[in-house]
Structures are given as structure tokens and as C-alpha cells.
Amino acid sequence: MNHPNFQVEIRELNIAYLMLAQKMLRCDRETAMFRLGISKALADFIENLSAARLVKMADSPVLIPRFRFDDDRMARLMAGEGRDETASTLHAAIIAANRSTVEVS
């Protein structure tokens, strides 16, 4: 069985995520922390990463971004499944916001 090597794609995703996170943090720190679901300490770390350290961190074989939920119910709500697509998406955003606040504190 041939297993594909996803390291290049993981690296590209990590770089894109870290660059976006830095840009968001430098533009509107509080909103960025909320949207990224990260703590103040992690925000400080990411915001102050040099380009070289950002690339080194992105080279990790592990995906840096992560889902803010771990159940299929939340994924289905975010995808708009349910009786009312708009209400489902809004419900998912409210749940995600609450979870990030609880986890970050």
C-alpha cells in the first residue's frame, strides 16, 4: 500500500496559518485572539515570531491549526445542516465562541 507524504501540504498550511495569525494579531489583537481561540501568552508568542522562527515552526510534521470542536454535531451545525441553515451556522458560532472562551481562560 502506497502512503502519500503530506509534509509539503502541512508545511504550506502551517505557514499560511501562522502568517494570517500574525497579521490578525497585529491588526486587532482582541478580535484575533477570540477568532483564533488562543490565549494571551500564545498570542504574544505568535505575534513576535521572526520570519525564520515562523518557517522553522511551520516545518513541524504536525498541523498547527486545530478544530475548535471535536464532535460531528458541531461540524454539522457549522456546515449549515439542520432545519434552518442560517440558524444552524449562528448556533455553531455561538457554541464555538463559548468553547474558546472557556478553553483560553
PDB file of N, CA and C in Angstrom:
ATOM      1  N   MET A   1       0.842  -1.176   0.000  1.00  0.00           N
ATOM      2  CA  MET A   1       0.000   0.000   0.000  1.00  0.00           C
ATOM      3  C   MET A   1       0.891   1.245   0.000  1.00  0.00           C
ATOM      4  N   ASN A   2       0.615   2.162  -0.889  1.00  0.00           N
ATOM      5  CA  ASN A   2       1.399   3.374  -1.029  1.00  0.00           C
ATOM      6  C   ASN A   2       0.785   4.491  -0.179  1.00  0.00           C
ATOM      7  N   HIS A   3       1.559   5.018   0.765  1.00  0.00           N
ATOM      8  CA  HIS A   3       1.079   6.085   1.633  1.00  0.00           C
ATOM      9  C   HIS A   3       1.642   7.420   1.149  1.00  0.00           C
ATOM     10  N   PRO A   4       0.763   8.377   0.843  1.00  0.00           N
ATOM     11  CA  PRO A   4       1.255   9.676   0.389  1.00  0.00           C
ATOM     12  C   PRO A   4       1.929  10.446   1.523  1.00  0.00           C
ATOM     13  N   ASN A   5       2.899  11.274   1.170  1.00  0.00           N
ATOM     14  CA  ASN A   5       3.580  12.120   2.138  1.00  0.00           C
ATOM     15  C   ASN A   5       2.945  13.510   2.066  1.00  0.00           C
ATOM     16  N   PHE A   6       2.305  13.908   3.124  1.00  0.00           N
ATOM     17  CA  PHE A   6       1.596  15.179   3.153  1.00  0.00           C
ATOM     18  C   PHE A   6       2.415  16.311   3.771  1.00  0.00           C
ATOM     19  N   GLN A   7       3.703  16.079   4.004  1.00  0.00           N
ATOM     20  CA  GLN A   7       4.517  17.072   4.706  1.00  0.00           C
ATOM     21  C   GLN A   7       4.548  18.421   3.998  1.00  0.00           C
ATOM     22  N   VAL A   8       4.627  18.436   2.678  1.00  0.00           N
ATOM     23  CA  VAL A   8       4.663  19.712   1.955  1.00  0.00           C
ATOM     24  C   VAL A   8       3.360  20.481   2.167  1.00  0.00           C
ATOM     25  N   GLU A   9       2.225  19.785   2.079  1.00  0.00           N
ATOM     26  CA  GLU A   9       0.933  20.436   2.277  1.00  0.00           C
ATOM     27  C   GLU A   9       0.771  20.925   3.717  1.00  0.00           C
ATOM     28  N   ILE A  10       1.233  20.126   4.678  1.00  0.00           N
ATOM     29  CA  ILE A  10       1.159  20.523   6.088  1.00  0.00           C
ATOM     30  C   ILE A  10       1.999  21.774   6.313  1.00  0.00           C
ATOM     31  N   ARG A  11       3.195  21.805   5.758  1.00  0.00           N
ATOM     32  CA  ARG A  11       4.078  22.966   5.908  1.00  0.00           C
ATOM     33  C   ARG A  11       3.414  24.217   5.319  1.00  0.00           C
ATOM     34  N   GLU A  12       2.856  24.104   4.141  1.00  0.00           N
ATOM     35  CA  GLU A  12       2.208  25.253   3.499  1.00  0.00           C
ATOM     36  C   GLU A  12       1.023  25.755   4.316  1.00  0.00           C
ATOM     37  N   LEU A  13       0.243  24.830   4.836  1.00  0.00           N
ATOM     38  CA  LEU A  13      -0.903  25.213   5.662  1.00  0.00           C
ATOM     39  C   LEU A  13      -0.431  25.887   6.950  1.00  0.00           C
ATOM     40  N   ASN A  14       0.600  25.325   7.582  1.00  0.00           N
ATOM     41  CA  ASN A  14       1.137  25.912   8.803  1.00  0.00           C
ATOM     42  C   ASN A  14       1.662  27.328   8.567  1.00  0.00           C
ATOM     43  N   ILE A  15       2.398  27.522   7.477  1.00  0.00           N
ATOM     44  CA  ILE A  15       2.925  28.855   7.171  1.00  0.00           C
ATOM     45  C   ILE A  15       1.779  29.835   6.944  1.00  0.00           C
ATOM     46  N   ALA A  16       0.791  29.428   6.157  1.00  0.00           N
ATOM     47  CA  ALA A  16      -0.348  30.303   5.876  1.00  0.00           C
ATOM     48  C   ALA A  16      -1.076  30.667   7.167  1.00  0.00           C
ATOM     49  N   TYR A  17      -1.283  29.677   8.038  1.00  0.00           N
ATOM     50  CA  TYR A  17      -1.982  29.917   9.305  1.00  0.00           C
ATOM     51  C   TYR A  17      -1.195  30.879  10.188  1.00  0.00           C
ATOM     52  N   LEU A  18       0.097  30.632  10.346  1.00  0.00           N
ATOM     53  CA  LEU A  18       0.906  31.480  11.213  1.00  0.00           C
ATOM     54  C   LEU A  18       1.000  32.912  10.683  1.00  0.00           C
ATOM     55  N   MET A  19       1.141  33.060   9.375  1.00  0.00           N
ATOM     56  CA  MET A  19       1.200  34.398   8.787  1.00  0.00           C
ATOM     57  C   MET A  19      -0.128  35.137   8.966  1.00  0.00           C
ATOM     58  N   LEU A  20      -1.230  34.423   8.752  1.00  0.00           N
ATOM     59  CA  LEU A  20      -2.546  35.024   8.959  1.00  0.00           C
ATOM     60  C   LEU A  20      -2.736  35.398  10.428  1.00  0.00           C
ATOM     61  N   ALA A  21      -2.346  34.508  11.329  1.00  0.00           N
ATOM     62  CA  ALA A  21      -2.484  34.782  12.757  1.00  0.00           C
ATOM     63  C   ALA A  21      -1.684  36.024  13.143  1.00  0.00           C
ATOM     64  N   GLN A  22      -0.456  36.146  12.661  1.00  0.00           N
ATOM     65  CA  GLN A  22       0.348  37.338  12.958  1.00  0.00           C
ATOM     66  C   GLN A  22      -0.326  38.602  12.436  1.00  0.00           C
ATOM     67  N   LYS A  23      -0.805  38.536  11.212  1.00  0.00           N
ATOM     68  CA  LYS A  23      -1.456  39.696  10.612  1.00  0.00           C
ATOM     69  C   LYS A  23      -2.699  40.098  11.405  1.00  0.00           C
ATOM     70  N   MET A  24      -3.513  39.099  11.778  1.00  0.00           N
ATOM     71  CA  MET A  24      -4.719  39.375  12.558  1.00  0.00           C
ATOM     72  C   MET A  24      -4.372  39.985  13.911  1.00  0.00           C
ATOM     73  N   LEU A  25      -3.364  39.427  14.586  1.00  0.00           N
ATOM     74  CA  LEU A  25      -2.971  39.908  15.905  1.00  0.00           C
ATOM     75  C   LEU A  25      -2.443  41.339  15.842  1.00  0.00           C
ATOM     76  N   ARG A  26      -1.723  41.653  14.805  1.00  0.00           N
ATOM     77  CA  ARG A  26      -1.155  42.998  14.673  1.00  0.00           C
ATOM     78  C   ARG A  26      -2.209  44.023  14.284  1.00  0.00           C
ATOM     79  N   CYS A  27      -3.280  43.568  13.675  1.00  0.00           N
ATOM     80  CA  CYS A  27      -4.346  44.468  13.234  1.00  0.00           C
ATOM     81  C   CYS A  27      -5.362  44.725  14.350  1.00  0.00           C
ATOM     82  N   ASP A  28      -5.857  43.658  14.986  1.00  0.00           N
ATOM     83  CA  ASP A  28      -6.866  43.774  16.042  1.00  0.00           C
ATOM     84  C   ASP A  28      -6.684  42.595  16.992  1.00  0.00           C
ATOM     85  N   ARG A  29      -5.849  42.797  17.968  1.00  0.00           N
ATOM     86  CA  ARG A  29      -5.400  41.722  18.862  1.00  0.00           C
ATOM     87  C   ARG A  29      -6.552  40.978  19.559  1.00  0.00           C
ATOM     88  N   GLU A  30      -7.463  41.707  20.165  1.00  0.00           N
ATOM     89  CA  GLU A  30      -8.546  41.059  20.921  1.00  0.00           C
ATOM     90  C   GLU A  30      -9.438  40.208  20.016  1.00  0.00           C
ATOM     91  N   THR A  31      -9.817  40.760  18.881  1.00  0.00           N
ATOM     92  CA  THR A  31     -10.652  40.005  17.943  1.00  0.00           C
ATOM     93  C   THR A  31      -9.891  38.790  17.416  1.00  0.00           C
ATOM     94  N   ALA A  32      -8.616  38.966  17.131  1.00  0.00           N
ATOM     95  CA  ALA A  32      -7.800  37.853  16.626  1.00  0.00           C
ATOM     96  C   ALA A  32      -7.711  36.737  17.659  1.00  0.00           C
ATOM     97  N   MET A  33      -7.471  37.091  18.907  1.00  0.00           N
ATOM     98  CA  MET A  33      -7.385  36.068  19.956  1.00  0.00           C
ATOM     99  C   MET A  33      -8.694  35.300  20.054  1.00  0.00           C
ATOM    100  N   PHE A  34      -9.801  36.023  19.952  1.00  0.00           N
ATOM    101  CA  PHE A  34     -11.114  35.383  20.006  1.00  0.00           C
ATOM    102  C   PHE A  34     -11.309  34.452  18.811  1.00  0.00           C
ATOM    103  N   ARG A  35     -11.049  34.951  17.597  1.00  0.00           N
ATOM    104  CA  ARG A  35     -11.269  34.156  16.390  1.00  0.00           C
ATOM    105  C   ARG A  35     -10.335  32.955  16.300  1.00  0.00           C
ATOM    106  N   LEU A  36      -9.098  33.141  16.759  1.00  0.00           N
ATOM    107  CA  LEU A  36      -8.133  32.042  16.714  1.00  0.00           C
ATOM    108  C   LEU A  36      -8.305  31.085  17.891  1.00  0.00           C
ATOM    109  N   GLY A  37      -8.986  31.542  18.939  1.00  0.00           N
ATOM    110  CA  GLY A  37      -9.184  30.708  20.123  1.00  0.00           C
ATOM    111  C   GLY A  37      -7.887  30.476  20.881  1.00  0.00           C
ATOM    112  N   ILE A  38      -7.058  31.542  20.999  1.00  0.00           N
ATOM    113  CA  ILE A  38      -5.760  31.401  21.654  1.00  0.00           C
ATOM    114  C   ILE A  38      -5.657  32.304  22.870  1.00  0.00           C
ATOM    115  N   SER A  39      -4.746  31.961  23.757  1.00  0.00           N
ATOM    116  CA  SER A  39      -4.516  32.723  24.977  1.00  0.00           C
ATOM    117  C   SER A  39      -3.644  33.940  24.697  1.00  0.00           C
ATOM    118  N   LYS A  40      -3.549  34.814  25.671  1.00  0.00           N
ATOM    119  CA  LYS A  40      -2.698  35.998  25.557  1.00  0.00           C
ATOM    120  C   LYS A  40      -1.244  35.585  25.392  1.00  0.00           C
ATOM    121  N   ALA A  41      -0.812  34.598  26.157  1.00  0.00           N
ATOM    122  CA  ALA A  41       0.587  34.149  26.078  1.00  0.00           C
ATOM    123  C   ALA A  41       0.908  33.607  24.683  1.00  0.00           C
ATOM    124  N   LEU A  42       0.002  32.812  24.121  1.00  0.00           N
ATOM    125  CA  LEU A  42       0.241  32.278  22.777  1.00  0.00           C
ATOM    126  C   LEU A  42       0.172  33.390  21.742  1.00  0.00           C
ATOM    127  N   ALA A  43      -0.732  34.345  21.931  1.00  0.00           N
ATOM    128  CA  ALA A  43      -0.817  35.490  21.018  1.00  0.00           C
ATOM    129  C   ALA A  43       0.495  36.267  21.029  1.00  0.00           C
ATOM    130  N   ASP A  44       1.053  36.502  22.220  1.00  0.00           N
ATOM    131  CA  ASP A  44       2.343  37.191  22.326  1.00  0.00           C
ATOM    132  C   ASP A  44       3.420  36.426  21.564  1.00  0.00           C
ATOM    133  N   PHE A  45       3.465  35.127  21.765  1.00  0.00           N
ATOM    134  CA  PHE A  45       4.479  34.292  21.114  1.00  0.00           C
ATOM    135  C   PHE A  45       4.362  34.363  19.587  1.00  0.00           C
ATOM    136  N   ILE A  46       3.155  34.154  19.081  1.00  0.00           N
ATOM    137  CA  ILE A  46       2.952  34.155  17.622  1.00  0.00           C
ATOM    138  C   ILE A  46       3.236  35.536  17.035  1.00  0.00           C
ATOM    139  N   GLU A  47       2.754  36.561  17.702  1.00  0.00           N
ATOM    140  CA  GLU A  47       2.923  37.922  17.183  1.00  0.00           C
ATOM    141  C   GLU A  47       4.401  38.304  17.074  1.00  0.00           C
ATOM    142  N   ASN A  48       5.221  37.781  17.968  1.00  0.00           N
ATOM    143  CA  ASN A  48       6.635  38.158  17.999  1.00  0.00           C
ATOM    144  C   ASN A  48       7.558  37.179  17.285  1.00  0.00           C
ATOM    145  N   LEU A  49       7.010  36.184  16.613  1.00  0.00           N
ATOM    146  CA  LEU A  49       7.844  35.241  15.864  1.00  0.00           C
ATOM    147  C   LEU A  49       8.568  35.959  14.725  1.00  0.00           C
ATOM    148  N   SER A  50       9.856  35.720  14.606  1.00  0.00           N
ATOM    149  CA  SER A  50      10.594  36.228  13.446  1.00  0.00           C
ATOM    150  C   SER A  50      10.229  35.357  12.253  1.00  0.00           C
ATOM    151  N   ALA A  51      10.548  35.836  11.065  1.00  0.00           N
ATOM    152  CA  ALA A  51      10.254  35.060   9.852  1.00  0.00           C
ATOM    153  C   ALA A  51      10.959  33.708   9.899  1.00  0.00           C
ATOM    154  N   ALA A  52      12.196  33.686  10.353  1.00  0.00           N
ATOM    155  CA  ALA A  52      12.957  32.431  10.411  1.00  0.00           C
ATOM    156  C   ALA A  52      12.321  31.452  11.396  1.00  0.00           C
ATOM    157  N   ARG A  53      11.911  31.939  12.553  1.00  0.00           N
ATOM    158  CA  ARG A  53      11.292  31.053  13.547  1.00  0.00           C
ATOM    159  C   ARG A  53       9.918  30.585  13.089  1.00  0.00           C
ATOM    160  N   LEU A  54       9.187  31.462  12.374  1.00  0.00           N
ATOM    161  CA  LEU A  54       7.886  31.084  11.833  1.00  0.00           C
ATOM    162  C   LEU A  54       8.043  29.921  10.857  1.00  0.00           C
ATOM    163  N   VAL A  55       9.022  30.025   9.966  1.00  0.00           N
ATOM    164  CA  VAL A  55       9.266  28.955   8.992  1.00  0.00           C
ATOM    165  C   VAL A  55       9.702  27.679   9.705  1.00  0.00           C
ATOM    166  N   LYS A  56      10.564  27.805  10.707  1.00  0.00           N
ATOM    167  CA  LYS A  56      11.012  26.630  11.455  1.00  0.00           C
ATOM    168  C   LYS A  56       9.824  25.953  12.150  1.00  0.00           C
ATOM    169  N   MET A  57       8.957  26.750  12.738  1.00  0.00           N
ATOM    170  CA  MET A  57       7.778  26.203  13.410  1.00  0.00           C
ATOM    171  C   MET A  57       6.845  25.540  12.396  1.00  0.00           C
ATOM    172  N   ALA A  58       6.690  26.150  11.227  1.00  0.00           N
ATOM    173  CA  ALA A  58       5.812  25.612  10.185  1.00  0.00           C
ATOM    174  C   ALA A  58       6.308  24.284   9.641  1.00  0.00           C
ATOM    175  N   ASP A  59       7.602  24.016   9.767  1.00  0.00           N
ATOM    176  CA  ASP A  59       8.184  22.765   9.280  1.00  0.00           C
ATOM    177  C   ASP A  59       7.810  21.554  10.136  1.00  0.00           C
ATOM    178  N   SER A  60       7.110  21.794  11.218  1.00  0.00           N
ATOM    179  CA  SER A  60       6.686  20.697  12.090  1.00  0.00           C
ATOM    180  C   SER A  60       5.853  19.694  11.294  1.00  0.00           C
ATOM    181  N   PRO A  61       5.978  18.401  11.600  1.00  0.00           N
ATOM    182  CA  PRO A  61       5.157  17.410  10.907  1.00  0.00           C
ATOM    183  C   PRO A  61       3.712  17.379  11.413  1.00  0.00           C
ATOM    184  N   VAL A  62       3.395  18.266  12.331  1.00  0.00           N
ATOM    185  CA  VAL A  62       2.074  18.322  12.940  1.00  0.00           C
ATOM    186  C   VAL A  62       1.344  19.575  12.454  1.00  0.00           C
ATOM    187  N   LEU A  63       0.058  19.448  12.169  1.00  0.00           N
ATOM    188  CA  LEU A  63      -0.745  20.616  11.814  1.00  0.00           C
ATOM    189  C   LEU A  63      -0.838  21.552  13.009  1.00  0.00           C
ATOM    190  N   ILE A  64      -0.523  22.818  12.795  1.00  0.00           N
ATOM    191  CA  ILE A  64      -0.597  23.798  13.872  1.00  0.00           C
ATOM    192  C   ILE A  64      -2.039  24.230  14.124  1.00  0.00           C
ATOM    193  N   PRO A  65      -2.801  24.593  13.073  1.00  0.00           N
ATOM    194  CA  PRO A  65      -4.200  24.940  13.342  1.00  0.00           C
ATOM    195  C   PRO A  65      -4.967  23.694  13.784  1.00  0.00           C
ATOM    196  N   ARG A  66      -5.992  23.913  14.583  1.00  0.00           N
ATOM    197  CA  ARG A  66      -6.800  22.777  15.037  1.00  0.00           C
ATOM    198  C   ARG A  66      -8.267  23.156  15.025  1.00  0.00           C
ATOM    199  N   PHE A  67      -9.108  22.130  14.969  1.00  0.00           N
ATOM    200  CA  PHE A  67     -10.539  22.376  15.051  1.00  0.00           C
ATOM    201  C   PHE A  67     -10.869  22.864  16.453  1.00  0.00           C
ATOM    202  N   ARG A  68     -11.823  23.763  16.541  1.00  0.00           N
ATOM    203  CA  ARG A  68     -12.246  24.272  17.847  1.00  0.00           C
ATOM    204  C   ARG A  68     -13.364  23.423  18.426  1.00  0.00           C
ATOM    205  N   PHE A  69     -13.584  22.274  17.853  1.00  0.00           N
ATOM    206  CA  PHE A  69     -14.610  21.354  18.319  1.00  0.00           C
ATOM    207  C   PHE A  69     -14.123  19.949  18.004  1.00  0.00           C
ATOM    208  N   ASP A  70     -14.698  18.988  18.675  1.00  0.00           N
ATOM    209  CA  ASP A  70     -14.267  17.618  18.446  1.00  0.00           C
ATOM    210  C   ASP A  70     -15.436  16.653  18.268  1.00  0.00           C
ATOM    211  N   ASP A  71     -16.557  17.187  17.812  1.00  0.00           N
ATOM    212  CA  ASP A  71     -17.694  16.301  17.605  1.00  0.00           C
ATOM    213  C   ASP A  71     -18.362  16.596  16.271  1.00  0.00           C
ATOM    214  N   ASP A  72     -18.998  15.583  15.730  1.00  0.00           N
ATOM    215  CA  ASP A  72     -19.628  15.742  14.416  1.00  0.00           C
ATOM    216  C   ASP A  72     -20.855  16.647  14.473  1.00  0.00           C
ATOM    217  N   ARG A  73     -21.496  16.743  15.626  1.00  0.00           N
ATOM    218  CA  ARG A  73     -22.670  17.634  15.756  1.00  0.00           C
ATOM    219  C   ARG A  73     -22.274  19.079  15.468  1.00  0.00           C
ATOM    220  N   MET A  74     -21.161  19.502  16.046  1.00  0.00           N
ATOM    221  CA  MET A  74     -20.692  20.862  15.832  1.00  0.00           C
ATOM    222  C   MET A  74     -20.304  21.067  14.367  1.00  0.00           C
ATOM    223  N   ALA A  75     -19.653  20.101  13.777  1.00  0.00           N
ATOM    224  CA  ALA A  75     -19.260  20.199  12.367  1.00  0.00           C
ATOM    225  C   ALA A  75     -20.498  20.319  11.485  1.00  0.00           C
ATOM    226  N   ARG A  76     -21.516  19.540  11.789  1.00  0.00           N
ATOM    227  CA  ARG A  76     -22.752  19.591  11.008  1.00  0.00           C
ATOM    228  C   ARG A  76     -23.441  20.956  11.132  1.00  0.00           C
ATOM    229  N   LEU A  77     -23.445  21.508  12.338  1.00  0.00           N
ATOM    230  CA  LEU A  77     -24.027  22.843  12.525  1.00  0.00           C
ATOM    231  C   LEU A  77     -23.260  23.891  11.726  1.00  0.00           C
ATOM    232  N   MET A  78     -21.931  23.805  11.776  1.00  0.00           N
ATOM    233  CA  MET A  78     -21.114  24.778  11.049  1.00  0.00           C
ATOM    234  C   MET A  78     -21.291  24.653   9.541  1.00  0.00           C
ATOM    235  N   ALA A  79     -21.609  23.455   9.082  1.00  0.00           N
ATOM    236  CA  ALA A  79     -21.846  23.229   7.656  1.00  0.00           C
ATOM    237  C   ALA A  79     -23.263  23.624   7.247  1.00  0.00           C
ATOM    238  N   GLY A  80     -24.071  24.046   8.225  1.00  0.00           N
ATOM    239  CA  GLY A  80     -25.416  24.518   7.922  1.00  0.00           C
ATOM    240  C   GLY A  80     -26.473  23.436   7.906  1.00  0.00           C
ATOM    241  N   GLU A  81     -26.154  22.261   8.442  1.00  0.00           N
ATOM    242  CA  GLU A  81     -27.171  21.216   8.495  1.00  0.00           C
ATOM    243  C   GLU A  81     -28.156  21.517   9.608  1.00  0.00           C
ATOM    244  N   GLY A  82     -29.384  21.188   9.379  1.00  0.00           N
ATOM    245  CA  GLY A  82     -30.432  21.430  10.368  1.00  0.00           C
ATOM    246  C   GLY A  82     -31.664  21.983   9.686  1.00  0.00           C
ATOM    247  N   ARG A  83     -32.629  22.338  10.484  1.00  0.00           N
ATOM    248  CA  ARG A  83     -33.882  22.851   9.922  1.00  0.00           C
ATOM    249  C   ARG A  83     -33.689  24.172   9.193  1.00  0.00           C
ATOM    250  N   ASP A  84     -32.862  25.033   9.754  1.00  0.00           N
ATOM    251  CA  ASP A  84     -32.641  26.356   9.164  1.00  0.00           C
ATOM    252  C   ASP A  84     -31.135  26.575   9.057  1.00  0.00           C
ATOM    253  N   GLU A  85     -30.631  26.662   7.831  1.00  0.00           N
ATOM    254  CA  GLU A  85     -29.185  26.761   7.601  1.00  0.00           C
ATOM    255  C   GLU A  85     -28.575  27.961   8.320  1.00  0.00           C
ATOM    256  N   THR A  86     -29.196  29.103   8.242  1.00  0.00           N
ATOM    257  CA  THR A  86     -28.670  30.311   8.876  1.00  0.00           C
ATOM    258  C   THR A  86     -28.629  30.150  10.392  1.00  0.00           C
ATOM    259  N   ALA A  87     -29.701  29.641  10.961  1.00  0.00           N
ATOM    260  CA  ALA A  87     -29.756  29.443  12.409  1.00  0.00           C
ATOM    261  C   ALA A  87     -28.726  28.409  12.854  1.00  0.00           C
ATOM    262  N   SER A  88     -28.522  27.365  12.065  1.00  0.00           N
ATOM    263  CA  SER A  88     -27.537  26.329  12.405  1.00  0.00           C
ATOM    264  C   SER A  88     -26.140  26.915  12.452  1.00  0.00           C
ATOM    265  N   THR A  89     -25.806  27.725  11.462  1.00  0.00           N
ATOM    266  CA  THR A  89     -24.480  28.336  11.406  1.00  0.00           C
ATOM    267  C   THR A  89     -24.279  29.296  12.574  1.00  0.00           C
ATOM    268  N   LEU A  90     -25.297  30.092  12.879  1.00  0.00           N
ATOM    269  CA  LEU A  90     -25.224  31.014  14.005  1.00  0.00           C
ATOM    270  C   LEU A  90     -25.094  30.252  15.320  1.00  0.00           C
ATOM    271  N   HIS A  91     -25.854  29.200  15.483  1.00  0.00           N
ATOM    272  CA  HIS A  91     -25.778  28.366  16.681  1.00  0.00           C
ATOM    273  C   HIS A  91     -24.371  27.809  16.850  1.00  0.00           C
ATOM    274  N   ALA A  92     -23.787  27.327  15.767  1.00  0.00           N
ATOM    275  CA  ALA A  92     -22.429  26.786  15.818  1.00  0.00           C
ATOM    276  C   ALA A  92     -21.422  27.863  16.228  1.00  0.00           C
ATOM    277  N   ALA A  93     -21.580  29.076  15.699  1.00  0.00           N
ATOM    278  CA  ALA A  93     -20.670  30.172  16.044  1.00  0.00           C
ATOM    279  C   ALA A  93     -20.760  30.517  17.524  1.00  0.00           C
ATOM    280  N   ILE A  94     -21.965  30.497  18.071  1.00  0.00           N
ATOM    281  CA  ILE A  94     -22.153  30.786  19.492  1.00  0.00           C
ATOM    282  C   ILE A  94     -21.491  29.709  20.351  1.00  0.00           C
ATOM    283  N   ILE A  95     -21.680  28.463  19.990  1.00  0.00           N
ATOM    284  CA  ILE A  95     -21.062  27.358  20.739  1.00  0.00           C
ATOM    285  C   ILE A  95     -19.540  27.451  20.654  1.00  0.00           C
ATOM    286  N   ALA A  96     -19.010  27.695  19.463  1.00  0.00           N
ATOM    287  CA  ALA A  96     -17.562  27.799  19.281  1.00  0.00           C
ATOM    288  C   ALA A  96     -16.990  28.955  20.094  1.00  0.00           C
ATOM    289  N   ALA A  97     -17.692  30.078  20.109  1.00  0.00           N
ATOM    290  CA  ALA A  97     -17.230  31.235  20.873  1.00  0.00           C
ATOM    291  C   ALA A  97     -17.181  30.911  22.361  1.00  0.00           C
ATOM    292  N   ASN A  98     -18.182  30.238  22.850  1.00  0.00           N
ATOM    293  CA  ASN A  98     -18.216  29.863  24.254  1.00  0.00           C
ATOM    294  C   ASN A  98     -17.096  28.895  24.585  1.00  0.00           C
ATOM    295  N   ARG A  99     -16.846  27.938  23.723  1.00  0.00           N
ATOM    296  CA  ARG A  99     -15.786  26.960  23.981  1.00  0.00           C
ATOM    297  C   ARG A  99     -14.421  27.621  23.982  1.00  0.00           C
ATOM    298  N   SER A 100     -14.179  28.547  23.065  1.00  0.00           N
ATOM    299  CA  SER A 100     -12.871  29.189  23.020  1.00  0.00           C
ATOM    300  C   SER A 100     -12.646  30.037  24.264  1.00  0.00           C
ATOM    301  N   THR A 101     -13.690  30.668  24.782  1.00  0.00           N
ATOM    302  CA  THR A 101     -13.560  31.480  25.984  1.00  0.00           C
ATOM    303  C   THR A 101     -13.249  30.599  27.178  1.00  0.00           C
ATOM    304  N   VAL A 102     -13.890  29.475  27.267  1.00  0.00           N
ATOM    305  CA  VAL A 102     -13.657  28.564  28.379  1.00  0.00           C
ATOM    306  C   VAL A 102     -12.266  27.970  28.311  1.00  0.00           C
ATOM    307  N   GLU A 103     -11.811  27.561  27.114  1.00  0.00           N
ATOM    308  CA  GLU A 103     -10.507  26.933  26.953  1.00  0.00           C
ATOM    309  C   GLU A 103      -9.365  27.906  27.133  1.00  0.00           C
ATOM    310  N   VAL A 104      -9.535  29.170  26.696  1.00  0.00           N
ATOM    311  CA  VAL A 104      -8.469  30.156  26.744  1.00  0.00           C
ATOM    312  C   VAL A 104      -8.245  30.662  28.158  1.00  0.00           C
ATOM    313  N   SER A 105      -9.280  30.743  28.946  1.00  0.00           N
ATOM    314  CA  SER A 105      -9.182  31.312  30.297  1.00  0.00           C
ATOM    315  C   SER A 105      -8.224  30.557  31.170  1.00  0.00           C
TER     316      SER A 105
END
